[in-house]
């Protein structure tokens, strides 16, 4: 490859990666993932999830990424029809993820299983529409 072509190719790849990295948090309006391949970003604090409600257009495989923006340790559980998955417990500033295969439309519960965090309000819902 000629040096000029190498430079152009490198710049094109860098520009593509830069543009792709500016896409926001992967959530559309109301916490909806933009597509099944997008990660669903959730922030955990004392004692709430943001967003607390997520709507997904159709069953599929989704990755939930939780960032602990609080001080206490937190985790994320997703449970519902055929799903009972959990992230690792993470400290403030850390991130964890869990990928789940959702096969049915319906309502799924998210919660923090650490201590009594769920009882303190650290829970929410994932609504999966039929597509």
Protein backbone atom coordinates (compact mmCIF):
# COMPACT_ATOMS: atom_id res chain seq x y z
CA UNK A 1 0.00 0.00 0.00
CA UNK A 2 1.36 3.43 -0.86
CA UNK A 3 2.05 5.77 2.07
CA UNK A 4 -0.64 8.25 0.95
CA UNK A 5 -3.27 5.50 0.83
CA UNK A 6 -2.17 4.26 4.25
CA UNK A 7 -2.60 7.73 5.74
CA UNK A 8 -6.04 8.14 4.13
CA UNK A 9 -7.16 4.71 5.32
CA UNK A 10 -5.92 5.40 8.85
CA UNK A 11 -7.71 8.76 8.93
CA UNK A 12 -10.92 7.21 7.59
CA UNK A 13 -10.87 4.48 10.24
CA UNK A 14 -10.12 7.01 13.01
CA UNK A 15 -12.97 9.28 11.85
CA UNK A 16 -15.39 6.34 11.77
CA UNK A 17 -14.44 5.30 15.30
CA UNK A 18 -14.72 8.88 16.55
CA UNK A 19 -18.19 9.31 15.04
CA UNK A 20 -19.34 5.93 16.41
CA UNK A 21 -18.10 6.90 19.87
CA UNK A 22 -20.26 10.04 19.92
CA UNK A 23 -23.52 8.14 19.84
CA UNK A 24 -24.69 8.81 23.39
CA UNK A 25 -25.50 6.18 25.97
CA UNK A 26 -27.18 3.64 23.71
CA UNK A 27 -30.61 4.50 25.08
CA UNK A 28 -33.26 6.29 23.07
CA UNK A 29 -36.27 8.05 24.59
CA UNK A 30 -37.49 6.67 27.92
CA UNK A 31 -34.46 4.41 28.21
CA UNK A 32 -35.35 2.42 25.08
CA UNK A 33 -32.40 0.72 23.41
CA UNK A 34 -32.03 1.87 19.82
CA UNK A 35 -31.75 -1.74 18.62
CA UNK A 36 -31.32 -5.23 20.01
CA UNK A 37 -27.57 -4.97 19.52
CA UNK A 38 -27.32 -1.82 21.65
CA UNK A 39 -26.35 -1.95 25.29
CA UNK A 40 -28.88 -0.63 27.78
CA UNK A 41 -27.09 1.80 30.09
CA UNK A 42 -28.30 2.09 33.69
CA UNK A 43 -26.87 4.27 36.45
CA UNK A 44 -27.01 3.04 40.05
CA UNK A 45 -26.94 5.49 42.99
CA UNK A 46 -28.16 5.49 46.57
CA UNK A 47 -30.91 4.22 46.22
CA UNK A 48 -32.25 4.36 42.67
CA UNK A 49 -31.67 3.27 39.09
CA UNK A 50 -31.68 5.78 36.24
CA UNK A 51 -33.62 5.07 34.18
CA UNK A 52 -35.88 3.07 36.49
CA UNK A 53 -38.09 2.04 33.58
CA UNK A 54 -36.86 0.75 30.24
CA UNK A 55 -39.02 -0.15 27.25
CA UNK A 56 -37.76 -2.62 24.64
CA UNK A 57 -39.53 -3.00 21.31
CA UNK A 58 -39.25 -6.79 21.00
CA UNK A 59 -37.81 -9.90 22.64
CA UNK A 60 -34.15 -10.55 21.87
CA UNK A 61 -30.70 -10.62 23.41
CA UNK A 62 -29.78 -7.49 25.33
CA UNK A 63 -26.77 -6.39 27.35
CA UNK A 64 -27.48 -4.32 30.43
CA UNK A 65 -24.54 -2.16 31.54
CA UNK A 66 -24.77 -0.75 35.05
CA UNK A 67 -22.44 1.97 36.30
CA UNK A 68 -22.23 2.59 40.03
CA UNK A 69 -22.46 6.37 40.31
CA UNK A 70 -22.94 6.11 44.07
CA UNK A 71 -20.67 5.33 47.00
CA UNK A 72 -22.16 2.07 48.31
CA UNK A 73 -21.69 -1.26 46.49
CA UNK A 74 -24.48 -2.11 44.02
CA UNK A 75 -25.45 -4.83 41.52
CA UNK A 76 -28.26 -5.36 39.03
CA UNK A 77 -30.67 -8.30 38.91
CA UNK A 78 -33.07 -8.82 36.01
CA UNK A 79 -35.90 -11.27 36.61
CA UNK A 80 -39.06 -12.17 34.78
CA UNK A 81 -40.46 -14.81 32.40
CA UNK A 82 -37.53 -17.20 31.86
CA UNK A 83 -34.92 -14.67 33.06
CA UNK A 84 -33.06 -14.52 36.38
CA UNK A 85 -29.63 -12.95 35.81
CA UNK A 86 -27.32 -10.79 37.91
CA UNK A 87 -24.21 -8.65 37.52
CA UNK A 88 -21.29 -8.78 39.87
CA UNK A 89 -21.43 -6.42 42.85
CA UNK A 90 -19.49 -3.28 42.01
CA UNK A 91 -18.05 -0.39 44.01
CA UNK A 92 -18.51 3.31 43.26
CA UNK A 93 -17.17 4.27 39.83
CA UNK A 94 -17.14 0.68 38.54
CA UNK A 95 -19.18 -0.82 35.71
CA UNK A 96 -20.62 -4.32 35.26
CA UNK A 97 -22.72 -5.92 32.58
CA UNK A 98 -25.02 -8.85 32.06
CA UNK A 99 -26.38 -10.17 28.78
CA UNK A 100 -29.83 -11.72 28.84
CA UNK A 101 -31.93 -13.49 26.27
CA UNK A 102 -35.50 -12.26 26.58
CA UNK A 103 -37.82 -14.64 24.76
CA UNK A 104 -41.21 -13.28 25.81
CA UNK A 105 -42.96 -9.93 25.75
CA UNK A 106 -43.96 -8.77 29.22
CA UNK A 107 -42.71 -7.01 32.31
CA UNK A 108 -39.37 -7.81 33.92
CA UNK A 109 -38.15 -6.54 37.27
CA UNK A 110 -34.76 -4.96 37.89
CA UNK A 111 -33.43 -4.53 41.40
CA UNK A 112 -30.30 -4.18 43.48
CA UNK A 113 -29.79 -7.37 45.52
CA UNK A 114 -27.24 -5.82 47.89
CA UNK A 115 -28.50 -5.57 51.48
CA UNK A 116 -31.92 -3.91 51.63
CA UNK A 117 -31.32 -1.63 48.62
CA UNK A 118 -34.40 -2.93 46.74
CA UNK A 119 -36.58 -2.22 49.78
CA UNK A 120 -35.14 1.32 49.84
CA UNK A 121 -36.41 1.90 46.31
CA UNK A 122 -33.61 0.54 44.18
CA UNK A 123 -35.81 -1.31 41.70
CA UNK A 124 -37.54 -0.75 38.40
CA UNK A 125 -39.02 -2.42 35.34
CA UNK A 126 -38.13 -3.50 31.86
CA UNK A 127 -41.17 -3.64 29.60
CA UNK A 128 -40.71 -5.82 26.54
CA UNK A 129 -43.21 -5.18 23.78
CA UNK A 130 -44.22 -7.84 21.29
CA UNK A 131 -42.47 -6.12 18.40
